[in-house]
Amino acid sequence: MKHLFCNRWQPMRYWIYPLFIILLTTACRETTTPRPNGFFRIDSYPATYKEVKMGNITLNINDSALCNVPPGAEGNSGTEWLNITYPRYNATIYLSYITLHDNLDRLMAESIELVYRQNVNTEQVEAIAYEDKAAKLYATLFALSPESATPIQFIATDSTQYLLRGALYFDNPVKADSVAPSLQYIEEDIMVLIENITHTPL
């Protein structure tokens, strides 16, 4: 009986052994799962500010940001431009200062139209109003979807002498999760800029 059992077992071992080896090697193999791309940690700029003149107003701008007047901006009567660049974030706030001549309503309408034209989804526009009657300062900050060409825009005015427009652009296409920390830092700076606008009457 022992001999018959061995005879039956012998032919089977030629395919059992390779099968056992295959199962053993594949069982120890790790399954690789694709992982999402990581993003570098972005440290915020220090919350210290410098005063910058633009038209008849003074702005508080983050001390680590770079300010420059774009080429060809000089010599335009009633309008001034200023770029505030954040090298660490690859982002720039483009400011335009316009002297008012009974054209506030038209400029406000143009500015709001521009906001909605540049947003990916008009339903995601959040408008935040700011008012300081003592300082004669009225402003609206528009938070657009992060994937928009310009995720933050704002308008500030004293309603009689000037209108200040601002638009934030990132140098490269962005994703909501990767740009969120930078967007938060810059939005805080923009709020500081708006809240501390001071103007000299003409």
Protein backbone atom coordinates (compact mmCIF):
# COMPACT_ATOMS: atom_id res chain seq x y z
CA MET A 1 0.00 0.00 0.00
CA LYS A 2 2.83 2.31 0.81
CA HIS A 3 4.34 1.63 -2.57
CA LEU A 4 1.09 2.52 -4.43
CA PHE A 5 0.77 5.82 -2.54
CA CYS A 6 4.30 6.78 -3.53
CA ASN A 7 3.67 5.89 -7.14
CA ARG A 8 0.63 8.14 -7.23
CA TRP A 9 2.45 10.99 -5.54
CA GLN A 10 5.53 10.88 -7.70
CA PRO A 11 3.95 12.14 -10.95
CA MET A 12 2.16 14.98 -9.18
CA ARG A 13 5.24 16.52 -7.64
CA TYR A 14 6.52 17.72 -10.99
CA TRP A 15 3.78 20.39 -11.19
CA ILE A 16 3.04 20.81 -7.47
CA TYR A 17 6.57 21.99 -6.67
CA PRO A 18 6.63 24.75 -9.37
CA LEU A 19 3.12 25.82 -8.34
CA PHE A 20 4.18 26.04 -4.70
CA ILE A 21 7.23 28.15 -5.65
CA ILE A 22 5.12 30.50 -7.77
CA LEU A 23 2.57 31.00 -4.98
CA LEU A 24 5.35 31.60 -2.46
CA THR A 25 7.08 34.26 -4.55
CA THR A 26 3.94 36.10 -5.61
CA ALA A 27 2.53 36.17 -2.07
CA CYS A 28 5.53 38.18 -0.86
CA ARG A 29 5.31 40.74 -3.64
CA GLU A 30 4.03 44.17 -2.54
CA THR A 31 1.21 45.80 -4.46
CA THR A 32 2.19 49.26 -5.65
CA THR A 33 -0.49 51.91 -5.43
CA PRO A 34 -0.10 55.22 -7.25
CA ARG A 35 0.01 58.14 -4.84
CA PRO A 36 -1.02 61.73 -5.50
CA ASN A 37 1.70 64.29 -6.08
CA GLY A 38 2.92 66.00 -2.93
CA PHE A 39 3.41 69.73 -2.57
CA PHE A 40 6.19 71.64 -0.88
CA ARG A 41 5.34 73.40 2.33
CA ILE A 42 5.04 77.14 1.73
CA ASP A 43 5.95 79.37 4.65
CA SER A 44 4.13 82.66 4.98
CA TYR A 45 5.78 86.04 4.70
CA PRO A 46 6.17 87.94 7.99
CA ALA A 47 3.23 90.20 8.81
CA THR A 48 5.17 93.45 8.57
CA TYR A 49 4.10 96.16 6.18
CA LYS A 50 5.51 99.17 4.35
CA GLU A 51 3.68 102.24 3.10
CA VAL A 52 3.47 102.81 -0.64
CA LYS A 53 1.97 105.86 -2.33
CA MET A 54 -0.35 105.52 -5.29
CA GLY A 55 -2.19 108.55 -6.58
CA ASN A 56 -3.58 110.36 -3.56
CA ILE A 57 -3.77 107.22 -1.39
CA THR A 58 -1.32 105.34 0.80
CA LEU A 59 -1.30 101.55 0.88
CA ASN A 60 0.12 99.09 3.41
CA ILE A 61 1.92 96.36 1.50
CA ASN A 62 3.72 93.30 2.86
CA ASP A 63 7.33 94.27 3.46
CA SER A 64 8.60 91.12 1.70
CA ALA A 65 6.62 91.74 -1.49
CA LEU A 66 8.19 93.54 -4.43
CA CYS A 67 6.54 96.66 -5.85
CA ASN A 68 7.13 97.89 -9.38
CA VAL A 69 5.46 100.14 -11.91
CA PRO A 70 4.86 98.24 -15.17
CA PRO A 71 6.65 99.54 -18.29
CA GLY A 72 4.66 102.12 -20.21
CA ALA A 73 2.47 103.00 -17.25
CA GLU A 74 3.94 106.46 -16.79
CA GLY A 75 2.34 109.49 -18.36
CA ASN A 76 -1.26 108.26 -18.34
CA SER A 77 -3.30 111.08 -16.88
CA GLY A 78 -5.72 110.00 -14.17
CA THR A 79 -4.64 106.36 -14.08
CA GLU A 80 -1.74 104.65 -12.32
CA TRP A 81 -0.62 101.02 -12.18
CA LEU A 82 1.37 99.09 -9.62
CA ASN A 83 2.36 95.42 -9.46
CA ILE A 84 2.86 93.71 -6.09
CA THR A 85 4.85 90.53 -6.61
CA TYR A 86 5.21 87.61 -4.18
CA PRO A 87 8.23 85.62 -5.45
CA ARG A 88 7.75 82.82 -2.92
CA TYR A 89 4.20 82.23 -4.11
CA ASN A 90 4.77 82.94 -7.82
CA ALA A 91 1.91 85.40 -7.61
CA THR A 92 1.27 89.05 -8.41
CA ILE A 93 -1.43 91.54 -7.42
CA TYR A 94 -2.08 93.97 -10.26
CA LEU A 95 -3.37 97.32 -9.01
CA SER A 96 -4.90 100.12 -11.03
CA TYR A 97 -5.74 103.52 -9.55
CA ILE A 98 -8.25 105.68 -11.40
CA THR A 99 -9.13 109.29 -10.62
CA LEU A 100 -12.89 109.74 -10.65
CA HIS A 101 -14.67 112.29 -12.85
CA ASP A 102 -18.37 111.50 -12.36
CA ASN A 103 -17.69 108.03 -13.79
CA LEU A 104 -17.92 105.87 -10.66
CA ASP A 105 -21.06 103.99 -11.74
CA ARG A 106 -19.58 103.05 -15.11
CA LEU A 107 -16.25 101.95 -13.59
CA MET A 108 -17.99 99.88 -10.91
CA ALA A 109 -20.12 98.14 -13.54
CA GLU A 110 -17.02 97.40 -15.64
CA SER A 111 -15.15 96.05 -12.64
CA ILE A 112 -17.97 93.70 -11.59
CA GLU A 113 -18.42 92.49 -15.17
CA LEU A 114 -14.69 91.73 -15.31
CA VAL A 115 -14.95 89.67 -12.11
CA TYR A 116 -17.65 87.38 -13.45
CA ARG A 117 -16.06 87.14 -16.88
CA GLN A 118 -12.84 85.70 -15.44
CA ASN A 119 -14.44 83.22 -13.03
CA VAL A 120 -14.70 79.52 -13.89
CA ASN A 121 -18.06 79.15 -12.18
CA THR A 122 -20.16 82.26 -11.56
CA GLU A 123 -22.05 80.50 -8.75
CA GLN A 124 -18.83 80.29 -6.73
CA VAL A 125 -18.23 84.05 -6.58
CA GLU A 126 -18.32 85.29 -3.00
CA ALA A 127 -18.54 89.04 -2.53
CA ILE A 128 -17.43 90.44 0.84
CA ALA A 129 -18.28 94.11 1.50
CA TYR A 130 -16.20 96.44 3.67
CA GLU A 131 -17.27 99.89 4.82
CA ASP A 132 -15.61 102.52 6.99
CA LYS A 133 -17.77 105.64 6.90
CA ALA A 134 -15.40 107.63 9.10
CA ALA A 135 -12.56 107.05 6.65
CA LYS A 136 -14.91 107.31 3.64
CA LEU A 137 -13.76 103.90 2.46
CA TYR A 138 -16.01 101.42 0.67
CA ALA A 139 -14.68 98.17 -0.72
CA THR A 140 -15.73 94.78 -2.03
CA LEU A 141 -13.51 91.71 -2.11
CA PHE A 142 -14.48 89.02 -4.61
CA ALA A 143 -13.36 85.48 -3.82
CA LEU A 144 -13.58 83.41 -7.00
CA SER A 145 -12.98 79.70 -7.49
CA PRO A 146 -9.27 78.86 -6.94
CA GLU A 147 -8.96 77.51 -10.50
CA SER A 148 -9.96 80.88 -11.97
CA ALA A 149 -7.37 82.97 -13.78
CA THR A 150 -7.59 85.44 -10.92
CA PRO A 151 -8.98 83.88 -7.69
CA ILE A 152 -9.20 87.20 -5.83
CA GLN A 153 -10.27 90.61 -7.06
CA PHE A 154 -11.26 93.72 -5.17
CA ILE A 155 -12.54 97.24 -5.60
CA ALA A 156 -12.01 100.11 -3.15
CA THR A 157 -13.18 103.70 -3.40
CA ASP A 158 -14.05 106.82 -1.44
CA SER A 159 -16.93 107.28 -3.94
CA THR A 160 -15.80 110.75 -5.04
CA GLN A 161 -12.07 110.93 -5.81
CA TYR A 162 -10.62 107.54 -6.70
CA LEU A 163 -11.30 103.92 -7.55
CA LEU A 164 -8.71 101.25 -6.79
CA ARG A 165 -8.92 97.88 -8.53
CA GLY A 166 -6.87 94.83 -7.67
CA ALA A 167 -6.57 91.37 -9.19
CA LEU A 168 -4.44 88.46 -8.02
CA TYR A 169 -2.82 86.20 -10.61
CA PHE A 170 -0.61 83.15 -10.18
CA ASP A 171 2.25 82.73 -12.66
CA ASN A 172 1.39 79.10 -13.37
CA PRO A 173 -1.88 77.13 -13.62
CA VAL A 174 -2.95 76.11 -10.13
CA LYS A 175 -5.03 73.48 -8.37
CA ALA A 176 -7.27 74.29 -5.43
CA ASP A 177 -5.44 72.08 -2.93
CA SER A 178 -1.95 73.21 -3.90
CA VAL A 179 -2.70 76.93 -3.93
CA ALA A 180 -4.89 77.09 -0.80
CA PRO A 181 -2.12 78.09 1.69
CA SER A 182 -0.70 80.79 -0.61
CA LEU A 183 -4.16 82.09 -1.37
CA GLN A 184 -4.96 82.42 2.32
CA TYR A 185 -1.74 84.34 3.05
CA ILE A 186 -2.24 86.76 0.18
CA GLU A 187 -5.94 87.26 0.95
CA GLU A 188 -4.99 88.34 4.47
CA ASP A 189 -2.52 90.85 3.01
CA ILE A 190 -5.20 92.18 0.67
CA MET A 191 -7.56 92.70 3.59
CA VAL A 192 -4.84 94.60 5.45
CA LEU A 193 -4.25 96.70 2.33
CA ILE A 194 -7.95 97.55 2.00
CA GLU A 195 -8.59 98.27 5.68
CA ASN A 196 -5.64 100.66 5.92
CA ILE A 197 -6.12 102.75 2.79
CA THR A 198 -5.67 106.40 3.63
CA HIS A 199 -6.23 109.22 1.16
CA THR A 200 -5.32 112.85 0.89
CA PRO A 201 -8.17 114.99 -0.45
CA LEU A 202 -7.39 116.66 -3.77
